[in-house]
PDB file of N, CA and C in Angstrom:
ATOM      1  N   PRO A   1      88.428  91.876  96.858  1.00  0.00           N
ATOM      2  CA  PRO A   1      89.135  92.407  95.716  1.00  0.00           C
ATOM      3  C   PRO A   1      89.486  93.882  95.876  1.00  0.00           C
ATOM      4  N   ASN A   2      88.759  94.620  96.725  1.00  0.00           N
ATOM      5  CA  ASN A   2      89.043  96.038  96.901  1.00  0.00           C
ATOM      6  C   ASN A   2      90.147  96.300  97.904  1.00  0.00           C
ATOM      7  N   GLN A   3      90.384  95.360  98.814  1.00  0.00           N
ATOM      8  CA  GLN A   3      91.388  95.573  99.848  1.00  0.00           C
ATOM      9  C   GLN A   3      92.775  95.591  99.233  1.00  0.00           C
ATOM     10  N   LEU A   4      93.665  96.336  99.870  1.00  0.00           N
ATOM     11  CA  LEU A   4      95.051  96.388  99.431  1.00  0.00           C
ATOM     12  C   LEU A   4      95.882  95.664 100.474  1.00  0.00           C
ATOM     13  N   SER A   5      96.247  94.445 100.154  1.00  0.00           N
ATOM     14  CA  SER A   5      97.081  93.642 101.037  1.00  0.00           C
ATOM     15  C   SER A   5      98.501  93.678 100.485  1.00  0.00           C
ATOM     16  N   LEU A   6      99.438  94.157 101.297  1.00  0.00           N
ATOM     17  CA  LEU A   6     100.821  94.319 100.847  1.00  0.00           C
ATOM     18  C   LEU A   6     101.741  93.328 101.536  1.00  0.00           C
ATOM     19  N   ASN A   7     102.739  92.882 100.796  1.00  0.00           N
ATOM     20  CA  ASN A   7     103.740  91.956 101.309  1.00  0.00           C
ATOM     21  C   ASN A   7     105.114  92.606 101.209  1.00  0.00           C
ATOM     22  N   ALA A   8     105.895  92.519 102.280  1.00  0.00           N
ATOM     23  CA  ALA A   8     107.242  93.103 102.295  1.00  0.00           C
ATOM     24  C   ALA A   8     108.120  92.384 101.279  1.00  0.00           C
ATOM     25  N   GLN A   9     108.864  93.169 100.492  1.00  0.00           N
ATOM     26  CA  GLN A   9     109.762  92.614  99.483  1.00  0.00           C
ATOM     27  C   GLN A   9     111.220  92.915  99.793  1.00  0.00           C
ATOM     28  N   GLY A  10     111.474  93.751 100.786  1.00  0.00           N
ATOM     29  CA  GLY A  10     112.853  94.050 101.149  1.00  0.00           C
ATOM     30  C   GLY A  10     113.075  95.532 101.362  1.00  0.00           C
ATOM     31  N   GLN A  11     114.331  95.848 101.616  1.00  0.00           N
ATOM     32  CA  GLN A  11     114.709  97.232 101.848  1.00  0.00           C
ATOM     33  C   GLN A  11     116.080  97.478 101.248  1.00  0.00           C
ATOM     34  N   MET A  12     116.377  98.768 100.985  1.00  0.00           N
ATOM     35  CA  MET A  12     117.692  99.110 100.469  1.00  0.00           C
ATOM     36  C   MET A  12     118.080 100.506 100.937  1.00  0.00           C
ATOM     37  N   ALA A  13     119.356 100.663 101.252  1.00  0.00           N
ATOM     38  CA  ALA A  13     119.889 101.974 101.592  1.00  0.00           C
ATOM     39  C   ALA A  13     120.051 102.749 100.295  1.00  0.00           C
ATOM     40  N   LEU A  14     119.627 104.003 100.288  1.00  0.00           N
ATOM     41  CA  LEU A  14     119.723 104.831  99.096  1.00  0.00           C
ATOM     42  C   LEU A  14     121.025 105.618  99.121  1.00  0.00           C
ATOM     43  N   SER A  15     121.493 106.016  97.954  1.00  0.00           N
ATOM     44  CA  SER A  15     122.765 106.735  97.869  1.00  0.00           C
ATOM     45  C   SER A  15     122.575 108.015  97.066  1.00  0.00           C
ATOM     46  N   GLY A  16     123.671 108.729  96.874  1.00  0.00           N
ATOM     47  CA  GLY A  16     123.626 109.988  96.134  1.00  0.00           C
ATOM     48  C   GLY A  16     122.859 111.034  96.909  1.00  0.00           C
ATOM     49  N   PRO A  17     122.008 111.800  96.206  1.00  0.00           N
ATOM     50  CA  PRO A  17     121.248 112.858  96.889  1.00  0.00           C
ATOM     51  C   PRO A  17     120.303 112.316  97.965  1.00  0.00           C
ATOM     52  N   LEU A  18     119.991 111.035  97.890  1.00  0.00           N
ATOM     53  CA  LEU A  18     119.089 110.417  98.878  1.00  0.00           C
ATOM     54  C   LEU A  18     119.846 109.666  99.964  1.00  0.00           C
ATOM     55  N   SER A  19     121.131 109.892 100.050  1.00  0.00           N
ATOM     56  CA  SER A  19     121.971 109.228 101.050  1.00  0.00           C
ATOM     57  C   SER A  19     121.403 109.440 102.454  1.00  0.00           C
ATOM     58  N   GLY A  20     121.502 108.408 103.276  1.00  0.00           N
ATOM     59  CA  GLY A  20     120.976 108.483 104.639  1.00  0.00           C
ATOM     60  C   GLY A  20     119.526 108.054 104.750  1.00  0.00           C
ATOM     61  N   ARG A  21     118.952 107.651 103.636  1.00  0.00           N
ATOM     62  CA  ARG A  21     117.560 107.208 103.618  1.00  0.00           C
ATOM     63  C   ARG A  21     117.500 105.721 103.273  1.00  0.00           C
ATOM     64  N   THR A  22     116.430 105.085 103.717  1.00  0.00           N
ATOM     65  CA  THR A  22     116.193 103.679 103.415  1.00  0.00           C
ATOM     66  C   THR A  22     114.845 103.569 102.727  1.00  0.00           C
ATOM     67  N   MET A  23     114.797 102.762 101.677  1.00  0.00           N
ATOM     68  CA  MET A  23     113.542 102.528 100.979  1.00  0.00           C
ATOM     69  C   MET A  23     113.069 101.111 101.290  1.00  0.00           C
ATOM     70  N   TYR A  24     111.813 101.009 101.709  1.00  0.00           N
ATOM     71  CA  TYR A  24     111.168  99.729 101.974  1.00  0.00           C
ATOM     72  C   TYR A  24     110.173  99.491 100.852  1.00  0.00           C
ATOM     73  N   ARG A  25     110.194  98.301 100.258  1.00  0.00           N
ATOM     74  CA  ARG A  25     109.309  97.986  99.133  1.00  0.00           C
ATOM     75  C   ARG A  25     108.296  96.922  99.544  1.00  0.00           C
ATOM     76  N   PHE A  26     107.057  97.141  99.098  1.00  0.00           N
ATOM     77  CA  PHE A  26     105.952  96.220  99.336  1.00  0.00           C
ATOM     78  C   PHE A  26     105.224  96.010  98.013  1.00  0.00           C
ATOM     79  N   THR A  27     104.686  94.811  97.797  1.00  0.00           N
ATOM     80  CA  THR A  27     103.881  94.552  96.608  1.00  0.00           C
ATOM     81  C   THR A  27     102.551  93.928  97.027  1.00  0.00           C
ATOM     82  N   SER A  28     101.554  94.152  96.194  1.00  0.00           N
ATOM     83  CA  SER A  28     100.227  93.600  96.469  1.00  0.00           C
ATOM     84  C   SER A  28     100.218  92.103  96.193  1.00  0.00           C
ATOM     85  N   ASP A  29      99.225  91.435  96.729  1.00  0.00           N
ATOM     86  CA  ASP A  29      99.086  89.991  96.532  1.00  0.00           C
ATOM     87  C   ASP A  29      99.032  89.607  95.058  1.00  0.00           C
ATOM     88  N   ASP A  30      98.390  90.453  94.241  1.00  0.00           N
ATOM     89  CA  ASP A  30      98.267  90.139  92.821  1.00  0.00           C
ATOM     90  C   ASP A  30      99.453  90.643  91.993  1.00  0.00           C
ATOM     91  N   GLY A  31     100.427  91.310  92.640  1.00  0.00           N
ATOM     92  CA  GLY A  31     101.620  91.791  91.957  1.00  0.00           C
ATOM     93  C   GLY A  31     101.393  93.006  91.079  1.00  0.00           C
ATOM     94  N   MET A  32     100.209  93.593  91.126  1.00  0.00           N
ATOM     95  CA  MET A  32      99.880  94.730  90.265  1.00  0.00           C
ATOM     96  C   MET A  32     100.223  96.084  90.887  1.00  0.00           C
ATOM     97  N   ILE A  33     100.415  96.124  92.205  1.00  0.00           N
ATOM     98  CA  ILE A  33     100.673  97.387  92.903  1.00  0.00           C
ATOM     99  C   ILE A  33     101.973  97.258  93.687  1.00  0.00           C
ATOM    100  N   THR A  34     102.798  98.288  93.580  1.00  0.00           N
ATOM    101  CA  THR A  34     104.033  98.372  94.359  1.00  0.00           C
ATOM    102  C   THR A  34     103.968  99.636  95.204  1.00  0.00           C
ATOM    103  N   VAL A  35     104.374  99.531  96.463  1.00  0.00           N
ATOM    104  CA  VAL A  35     104.436 100.684  97.355  1.00  0.00           C
ATOM    105  C   VAL A  35     105.859 100.770  97.900  1.00  0.00           C
ATOM    106  N   ASP A  36     106.469 101.958  97.746  1.00  0.00           N
ATOM    107  CA  ASP A  36     107.788 102.225  98.303  1.00  0.00           C
ATOM    108  C   ASP A  36     107.639 103.258  99.402  1.00  0.00           C
ATOM    109  N   VAL A  37     108.290 103.011 100.523  1.00  0.00           N
ATOM    110  CA  VAL A  37     108.283 103.928 101.655  1.00  0.00           C
ATOM    111  C   VAL A  37     109.718 104.383 101.861  1.00  0.00           C
ATOM    112  N   VAL A  38     109.975 105.695 101.762  1.00  0.00           N
ATOM    113  CA  VAL A  38     111.310 106.254 101.943  1.00  0.00           C
ATOM    114  C   VAL A  38     111.379 106.870 103.337  1.00  0.00           C
ATOM    115  N   VAL A  39     112.348 106.376 104.128  1.00  0.00           N
ATOM    116  CA  VAL A  39     112.453 106.749 105.535  1.00  0.00           C
ATOM    117  C   VAL A  39     113.831 107.345 105.801  1.00  0.00           C
ATOM    118  N   ARG A  40     113.867 108.405 106.609  1.00  0.00           N
ATOM    119  CA  ARG A  40     115.134 108.977 107.081  1.00  0.00           C
ATOM    120  C   ARG A  40     115.000 109.249 108.568  1.00  0.00           C
ATOM    121  N   GLY A  41     115.906 108.687 109.334  1.00  0.00           N
ATOM    122  CA  GLY A  41     115.882 108.901 110.779  1.00  0.00           C
ATOM    123  C   GLY A  41     114.600 108.448 111.441  1.00  0.00           C
ATOM    124  N   GLY A  42     114.005 107.370 110.946  1.00  0.00           N
ATOM    125  CA  GLY A  42     112.779 106.843 111.531  1.00  0.00           C
ATOM    126  C   GLY A  42     111.520 107.595 111.135  1.00  0.00           C
ATOM    127  N   ILE A  43     111.640 108.581 110.248  1.00  0.00           N
ATOM    128  CA  ILE A  43     110.486 109.373 109.816  1.00  0.00           C
ATOM    129  C   ILE A  43     110.241 109.140 108.325  1.00  0.00           C
ATOM    130  N   ILE A  44     109.002 108.890 107.971  1.00  0.00           N
ATOM    131  CA  ILE A  44     108.636 108.685 106.567  1.00  0.00           C
ATOM    132  C   ILE A  44     108.704 110.021 105.842  1.00  0.00           C
ATOM    133  N   GLU A  45     109.499 110.067 104.775  1.00  0.00           N
ATOM    134  CA  GLU A  45     109.612 111.279 103.954  1.00  0.00           C
ATOM    135  C   GLU A  45     108.724 111.221 102.715  1.00  0.00           C
ATOM    136  N   GLN A  46     108.651 110.040 102.117  1.00  0.00           N
ATOM    137  CA  GLN A  46     107.858 109.888 100.896  1.00  0.00           C
ATOM    138  C   GLN A  46     107.171 108.531 100.885  1.00  0.00           C
ATOM    139  N   LEU A  47     105.992 108.526 100.315  1.00  0.00           N
ATOM    140  CA  LEU A  47     105.269 107.283 100.035  1.00  0.00           C
ATOM    141  C   LEU A  47     104.987 107.280  98.545  1.00  0.00           C
ATOM    142  N   LEU A  48     105.366 106.198  97.879  1.00  0.00           N
ATOM    143  CA  LEU A  48     105.139 106.074  96.441  1.00  0.00           C
ATOM    144  C   LEU A  48     104.319 104.830  96.175  1.00  0.00           C
ATOM    145  N   MET A  49     103.394 104.966  95.239  1.00  0.00           N
ATOM    146  CA  MET A  49     102.568 103.836  94.833  1.00  0.00           C
ATOM    147  C   MET A  49     102.613 103.764  93.316  1.00  0.00           C
ATOM    148  N   TYR A  50     102.865 102.579  92.787  1.00  0.00           N
ATOM    149  CA  TYR A  50     102.848 102.335  91.346  1.00  0.00           C
ATOM    150  C   TYR A  50     101.737 101.327  91.078  1.00  0.00           C
ATOM    151  N   LEU A  51     100.830 101.658  90.170  1.00  0.00           N
ATOM    152  CA  LEU A  51      99.698 100.797  89.916  1.00  0.00           C
ATOM    153  C   LEU A  51      99.207 100.992  88.491  1.00  0.00           C
ATOM    154  N   PRO A  52      98.353 100.079  88.007  1.00  0.00           N
ATOM    155  CA  PRO A  52      97.790 100.263  86.670  1.00  0.00           C
ATOM    156  C   PRO A  52      96.993 101.561  86.607  1.00  0.00           C
ATOM    157  N   ARG A  53      97.086 102.253  85.481  1.00  0.00           N
ATOM    158  CA  ARG A  53      96.333 103.501  85.278  1.00  0.00           C
ATOM    159  C   ARG A  53      94.894 103.124  84.941  1.00  0.00           C
ATOM    160  N   ASP A  54      94.140 102.835  86.006  1.00  0.00           N
ATOM    161  CA  ASP A  54      92.795 102.289  85.868  1.00  0.00           C
ATOM    162  C   ASP A  54      91.936 102.849  86.993  1.00  0.00           C
ATOM    163  N   GLU A  55      90.867 103.514  86.627  1.00  0.00           N
ATOM    164  CA  GLU A  55      90.005 104.143  87.631  1.00  0.00           C
ATOM    165  C   GLU A  55      89.397 103.124  88.598  1.00  0.00           C
ATOM    166  N   ARG A  56      89.341 101.869  88.204  1.00  0.00           N
ATOM    167  CA  ARG A  56      88.805 100.838  89.102  1.00  0.00           C
ATOM    168  C   ARG A  56      89.714 100.608  90.300  1.00  0.00           C
ATOM    169  N   ARG A  57      90.925 101.145  90.281  1.00  0.00           N
ATOM    170  CA  ARG A  57      91.854 101.040  91.420  1.00  0.00           C
ATOM    171  C   ARG A  57      91.654 102.189  92.412  1.00  0.00           C
ATOM    172  N   GLY A  58      90.615 102.984  92.200  1.00  0.00           N
ATOM    173  CA  GLY A  58      90.369 104.155  93.037  1.00  0.00           C
ATOM    174  C   GLY A  58      90.248 103.857  94.511  1.00  0.00           C
ATOM    175  N   PHE A  59      89.622 102.752  94.873  1.00  0.00           N
ATOM    176  CA  PHE A  59      89.457 102.431  96.298  1.00  0.00           C
ATOM    177  C   PHE A  59      90.821 102.249  96.951  1.00  0.00           C
ATOM    178  N   GLN A  60      91.715 101.517  96.292  1.00  0.00           N
ATOM    179  CA  GLN A  60      93.043 101.294  96.860  1.00  0.00           C
ATOM    180  C   GLN A  60      93.826 102.601  96.956  1.00  0.00           C
ATOM    181  N   VAL A  61      93.711 103.450  95.939  1.00  0.00           N
ATOM    182  CA  VAL A  61      94.399 104.741  95.972  1.00  0.00           C
ATOM    183  C   VAL A  61      93.835 105.605  97.090  1.00  0.00           C
ATOM    184  N   SER A  62      92.532 105.611  97.252  1.00  0.00           N
ATOM    185  CA  SER A  62      91.904 106.399  98.308  1.00  0.00           C
ATOM    186  C   SER A  62      92.391 105.966  99.688  1.00  0.00           C
ATOM    187  N   MET A  63      92.460 104.663  99.925  1.00  0.00           N
ATOM    188  CA  MET A  63      92.937 104.173 101.225  1.00  0.00           C
ATOM    189  C   MET A  63      94.413 104.521 101.426  1.00  0.00           C
ATOM    190  N   PHE A  64      95.223 104.423 100.370  1.00  0.00           N
ATOM    191  CA  PHE A  64      96.629 104.794 100.429  1.00  0.00           C
ATOM    192  C   PHE A  64      96.768 106.276 100.793  1.00  0.00           C
ATOM    193  N   LEU A  65      95.999 107.141 100.132  1.00  0.00           N
ATOM    194  CA  LEU A  65      96.065 108.576 100.408  1.00  0.00           C
ATOM    195  C   LEU A  65      95.590 108.895 101.816  1.00  0.00           C
ATOM    196  N   GLN A  66      94.525 108.235 102.244  1.00  0.00           N
ATOM    197  CA  GLN A  66      94.013 108.473 103.597  1.00  0.00           C
ATOM    198  C   GLN A  66      95.067 108.125 104.633  1.00  0.00           C
ATOM    199  N   ASP A  67      95.748 107.020 104.445  1.00  0.00           N
ATOM    200  CA  ASP A  67      96.803 106.624 105.372  1.00  0.00           C
ATOM    201  C   ASP A  67      97.981 107.588 105.296  1.00  0.00           C
ATOM    202  N   ALA A  68      98.339 108.025 104.087  1.00  0.00           N
ATOM    203  CA  ALA A  68      99.508 108.884 103.895  1.00  0.00           C
ATOM    204  C   ALA A  68      99.317 110.275 104.482  1.00  0.00           C
ATOM    205  N   VAL A  69      98.151 110.874 104.282  1.00  0.00           N
ATOM    206  CA  VAL A  69      97.935 112.243 104.768  1.00  0.00           C
ATOM    207  C   VAL A  69      97.140 112.290 106.065  1.00  0.00           C
ATOM    208  N   GLY A  70      96.640 111.143 106.502  1.00  0.00           N
ATOM    209  CA  GLY A  70      95.924 111.078 107.780  1.00  0.00           C
ATOM    210  C   GLY A  70      94.582 111.768 107.776  1.00  0.00           C
ATOM    211  N   SER A  71      93.931 111.804 106.618  1.00  0.00           N
ATOM    212  CA  SER A  71      92.667 112.529 106.534  1.00  0.00           C
ATOM    213  C   SER A  71      91.780 111.947 105.439  1.00  0.00           C
ATOM    214  N   VAL A  72      90.519 111.717 105.787  1.00  0.00           N
ATOM    215  CA  VAL A  72      89.541 111.273 104.795  1.00  0.00           C
ATOM    216  C   VAL A  72      89.295 112.401 103.788  1.00  0.00           C
ATOM    217  N   VAL A  73      89.202 113.628 104.281  1.00  0.00           N
ATOM    218  CA  VAL A  73      88.975 114.778 103.408  1.00  0.00           C
ATOM    219  C   VAL A  73      90.151 114.941 102.437  1.00  0.00           C
ATOM    220  N   GLY A  74      91.374 114.812 102.942  1.00  0.00           N
ATOM    221  CA  GLY A  74      92.555 114.906 102.078  1.00  0.00           C
ATOM    222  C   GLY A  74      92.550 113.841 101.004  1.00  0.00           C
ATOM    223  N   ALA A  75      92.150 112.628 101.383  1.00  0.00           N
ATOM    224  CA  ALA A  75      92.077 111.536 100.409  1.00  0.00           C
ATOM    225  C   ALA A  75      91.018 111.833  99.349  1.00  0.00           C
ATOM    226  N   GLN A  76      89.878 112.371  99.765  1.00  0.00           N
ATOM    227  CA  GLN A  76      88.826 112.696  98.804  1.00  0.00           C
ATOM    228  C   GLN A  76      89.282 113.765  97.827  1.00  0.00           C
ATOM    229  N   LYS A  77      89.986 114.765  98.324  1.00  0.00           N
ATOM    230  CA  LYS A  77      90.513 115.810  97.446  1.00  0.00           C
ATOM    231  C   LYS A  77      91.561 115.225  96.501  1.00  0.00           C
ATOM    232  N   GLY A  78      92.418 114.358  97.013  1.00  0.00           N
ATOM    233  CA  GLY A  78      93.434 113.720  96.189  1.00  0.00           C
ATOM    234  C   GLY A  78      92.832 112.874  95.086  1.00  0.00           C
ATOM    235  N   MET A  79      91.665 112.307  95.331  1.00  0.00           N
ATOM    236  CA  MET A  79      91.017 111.466  94.330  1.00  0.00           C
ATOM    237  C   MET A  79      90.609 112.267  93.089  1.00  0.00           C
ATOM    238  N   LEU A  80      90.378 113.557  93.241  1.00  0.00           N
ATOM    239  CA  LEU A  80      90.081 114.394  92.072  1.00  0.00           C
ATOM    240  C   LEU A  80      91.288 114.433  91.138  1.00  0.00           C
ATOM    241  N   ALA A  81      92.475 114.597  91.716  1.00  0.00           N
ATOM    242  CA  ALA A  81      93.696 114.615  90.904  1.00  0.00           C
ATOM    243  C   ALA A  81      93.977 113.221  90.333  1.00  0.00           C
ATOM    244  N   PHE A  82      93.690 112.173  91.108  1.00  0.00           N
ATOM    245  CA  PHE A  82      93.873 110.802  90.624  1.00  0.00           C
ATOM    246  C   PHE A  82      93.021 110.574  89.374  1.00  0.00           C
ATOM    247  N   ARG A  83      91.755 110.924  89.452  1.00  0.00           N
ATOM    248  CA  ARG A  83      90.854 110.708  88.317  1.00  0.00           C
ATOM    249  C   ARG A  83      91.307 111.506  87.090  1.00  0.00           C
ATOM    250  N   ALA A  84      91.768 112.741  87.312  1.00  0.00           N
ATOM    251  CA  ALA A  84      92.255 113.552  86.189  1.00  0.00           C
ATOM    252  C   ALA A  84      93.483 112.914  85.556  1.00  0.00           C
ATOM    253  N   ALA A  85      94.374 112.362  86.360  1.00  0.00           N
ATOM    254  CA  ALA A  85      95.579 111.712  85.830  1.00  0.00           C
ATOM    255  C   ALA A  85      95.217 110.442  85.054  1.00  0.00           C
ATOM    256  N   VAL A  86      94.227 109.712  85.526  1.00  0.00           N
ATOM    257  CA  VAL A  86      93.806 108.493  84.828  1.00  0.00           C
ATOM    258  C   VAL A  86      93.157 108.849  83.493  1.00  0.00           C
ATOM    259  N   ILE A  87      92.285 109.830  83.508  1.00  0.00           N
ATOM    260  CA  ILE A  87      91.534 110.179  82.311  1.00  0.00           C
ATOM    261  C   ILE A  87      92.387 110.938  81.288  1.00  0.00           C
ATOM    262  N   ASN A  88      93.145 111.930  81.771  1.00  0.00           N
ATOM    263  CA  ASN A  88      93.877 112.814  80.870  1.00  0.00           C
ATOM    264  C   ASN A  88      95.354 112.475  80.720  1.00  0.00           C
ATOM    265  N   GLY A  89      95.881 111.615  81.575  1.00  0.00           N
ATOM    266  CA  GLY A  89      97.315 111.318  81.530  1.00  0.00           C
ATOM    267  C   GLY A  89      98.112 112.488  82.081  1.00  0.00           C
ATOM    268  N   GLY A  90      99.389 112.528  81.766  1.00  0.00           N
ATOM    269  CA  GLY A  90     100.236 113.623  82.230  1.00  0.00           C
ATOM    270  C   GLY A  90     100.480 113.576  83.710  1.00  0.00           C
ATOM    271  N   GLU A  91     100.633 114.758  84.297  1.00  0.00           N
ATOM    272  CA  GLU A  91     100.893 114.859  85.728  1.00  0.00           C
ATOM    273  C   GLU A  91      99.905 115.823  86.354  1.00  0.00           C
ATOM    274  N   LYS A  92      99.374 115.431  87.486  1.00  0.00           N
ATOM    275  CA  LYS A  92      98.451 116.263  88.258  1.00  0.00           C
ATOM    276  C   LYS A  92      98.947 116.259  89.701  1.00  0.00           C
ATOM    277  N   TYR A  93      98.721 117.359  90.412  1.00  0.00           N
ATOM    278  CA  TYR A  93      99.114 117.368  91.814  1.00  0.00           C
ATOM    279  C   TYR A  93      98.134 118.197  92.624  1.00  0.00           C
ATOM    280  N   LEU A  94      98.195 117.975  93.923  1.00  0.00           N
ATOM    281  CA  LEU A  94      97.319 118.663  94.860  1.00  0.00           C
ATOM    282  C   LEU A  94      98.064 118.777  96.179  1.00  0.00           C
ATOM    283  N   THR A  95      97.927 119.901  96.847  1.00  0.00           N
ATOM    284  CA  THR A  95      98.505 120.046  98.179  1.00  0.00           C
ATOM    285  C   THR A  95      97.374 120.017  99.200  1.00  0.00           C
ATOM    286  N   PHE A  96      97.685 119.455 100.366  1.00  0.00           N
ATOM    287  CA  PHE A  96      96.708 119.362 101.444  1.00  0.00           C
ATOM    288  C   PHE A  96      97.466 119.241 102.764  1.00  0.00           C
ATOM    289  N   ALA A  97      97.221 120.156 103.679  1.00  0.00           N
ATOM    290  CA  ALA A  97      97.751 120.108 105.049  1.00  0.00           C
ATOM    291  C   ALA A  97      99.265 119.848 105.088  1.00  0.00           C
ATOM    292  N   GLY A  98     100.010 120.513 104.217  1.00  0.00           N
ATOM    293  CA  GLY A  98     101.456 120.357 104.210  1.00  0.00           C
ATOM    294  C   GLY A  98     101.975 119.189 103.392  1.00  0.00           C
ATOM    295  N   TYR A  99     101.087 118.413 102.806  1.00  0.00           N
ATOM    296  CA  TYR A  99     101.474 117.284 101.959  1.00  0.00           C
ATOM    297  C   TYR A  99     101.250 117.653 100.492  1.00  0.00           C
ATOM    298  N   THR A 100     102.072 117.086  99.629  1.00  0.00           N
ATOM    299  CA  THR A 100     101.843 117.190  98.195  1.00  0.00           C
ATOM    300  C   THR A 100     101.546 115.793  97.680  1.00  0.00           C
ATOM    301  N   MET A 101     100.429 115.673  96.983  1.00  0.00           N
ATOM    302  CA  MET A 101     100.049 114.416  96.347  1.00  0.00           C
ATOM    303  C   MET A 101     100.231 114.626  94.854  1.00  0.00           C
ATOM    304  N   ARG A 102     101.133 113.870  94.257  1.00  0.00           N
ATOM    305  CA  ARG A 102     101.458 114.027  92.834  1.00  0.00           C
ATOM    306  C   ARG A 102     101.137 112.724  92.093  1.00  0.00           C
ATOM    307  N   PHE A 103     100.391 112.850  91.005  1.00  0.00           N
ATOM    308  CA  PHE A 103      99.953 111.710  90.206  1.00  0.00           C
ATOM    309  C   PHE A 103     100.571 111.851  88.824  1.00  0.00           C
ATOM    310  N   THR A 104     101.377 110.865  88.422  1.00  0.00           N
ATOM    311  CA  THR A 104     102.088 110.933  87.155  1.00  0.00           C
ATOM    312  C   THR A 104     101.800 109.690  86.328  1.00  0.00           C
ATOM    313  N   ALA A 105     101.281 109.897  85.129  1.00  0.00           N
ATOM    314  CA  ALA A 105     101.065 108.778  84.201  1.00  0.00           C
ATOM    315  C   ALA A 105     102.415 108.370  83.627  1.00  0.00           C
ATOM    316  N   LEU A 106     102.739 107.094  83.725  1.00  0.00           N
ATOM    317  CA  LEU A 106     104.007 106.557  83.241  1.00  0.00           C
ATOM    318  C   LEU A 106     103.767 105.687  82.014  1.00  0.00           C
ATOM    319  N   ASP A 107     104.843 105.318  81.360  1.00  0.00           N
ATOM    320  CA  ASP A 107     104.749 104.398  80.227  1.00  0.00           C
ATOM    321  C   ASP A 107     104.153 103.070  80.670  1.00  0.00           C
ATOM    322  N   ARG A 108     103.712 102.297  79.736  1.00  0.00           N
ATOM    323  CA  ARG A 108     103.152 100.955  79.945  1.00  0.00           C
ATOM    324  C   ARG A 108     101.869 100.961  80.764  1.00  0.00           C
ATOM    325  N   GLY A 109     101.134 102.071  80.735  1.00  0.00           N
ATOM    326  CA  GLY A 109      99.841 102.113  81.404  1.00  0.00           C
ATOM    327  C   GLY A 109      99.902 102.166  82.915  1.00  0.00           C
ATOM    328  N   LEU A 110     101.039 102.623  83.466  1.00  0.00           N
ATOM    329  CA  LEU A 110     101.181 102.726  84.914  1.00  0.00           C
ATOM    330  C   LEU A 110     100.936 104.144  85.390  1.00  0.00           C
ATOM    331  N   LEU A 111     100.614 104.264  86.659  1.00  0.00           N
ATOM    332  CA  LEU A 111     100.439 105.558  87.306  1.00  0.00           C
ATOM    333  C   LEU A 111     101.289 105.544  88.583  1.00  0.00           C
ATOM    334  N   ARG A 112     102.014 106.640  88.800  1.00  0.00           N
ATOM    335  CA  ARG A 112     102.782 106.783  90.050  1.00  0.00           C
ATOM    336  C   ARG A 112     102.067 107.799  90.919  1.00  0.00           C
ATOM    337  N   VAL A 113     101.880 107.426  92.175  1.00  0.00           N
ATOM    338  CA  VAL A 113     101.292 108.315  93.179  1.00  0.00           C
ATOM    339  C   VAL A 113     102.394 108.599  94.190  1.00  0.00           C
ATOM    340  N   LEU A 114     102.755 109.868  94.358  1.00  0.00           N
ATOM    341  CA  LEU A 114     103.813 110.275  95.288  1.00  0.00           C
ATOM    342  C   LEU A 114     103.204 111.198  96.329  1.00  0.00           C
ATOM    343  N   VAL A 115     103.399 110.871  97.590  1.00  0.00           N
ATOM    344  CA  VAL A 115     102.969 111.734  98.680  1.00  0.00           C
ATOM    345  C   VAL A 115     104.215 112.114  99.461  1.00  0.00           C
ATOM    346  N   SER A 116     104.436 113.442  99.594  1.00  0.00           N
ATOM    347  CA  SER A 116     105.609 113.917 100.328  1.00  0.00           C
ATOM    348  C   SER A 116     105.235 115.175 101.101  1.00  0.00           C
ATOM    349  N   ARG A 117     106.078 115.515 102.037  1.00  0.00           N
ATOM    350  CA  ARG A 117     105.905 116.759 102.817  1.00  0.00           C
ATOM    351  C   ARG A 117     106.641 117.868 102.144  1.00  0.00           C
TER     352      ARG A 117
END
């Protein structure tokens, strides 16, 4: 139940200010988590995760952050902002090793996790 197993849902070319980028979408087996990967020129620019605003999802968020920033320490630091966003709502962010991890509480009890350079 703690593992995050993702299934490819497709890809789309982005337009407007994001022109030249492709977004790849993945969803979890239970359909509760969506991950979008934004790529330009073969390089990942942004990783987005949408999930229920529930602290019990911390393990999945931690693994996502560890993969995104390439650091266990970075993921642990990011988890402080995750917990604050879950408890207090609003938006919280943290920078680590050139990455910005942004946690935004959305309507309908969702949380968006954005990791970008």
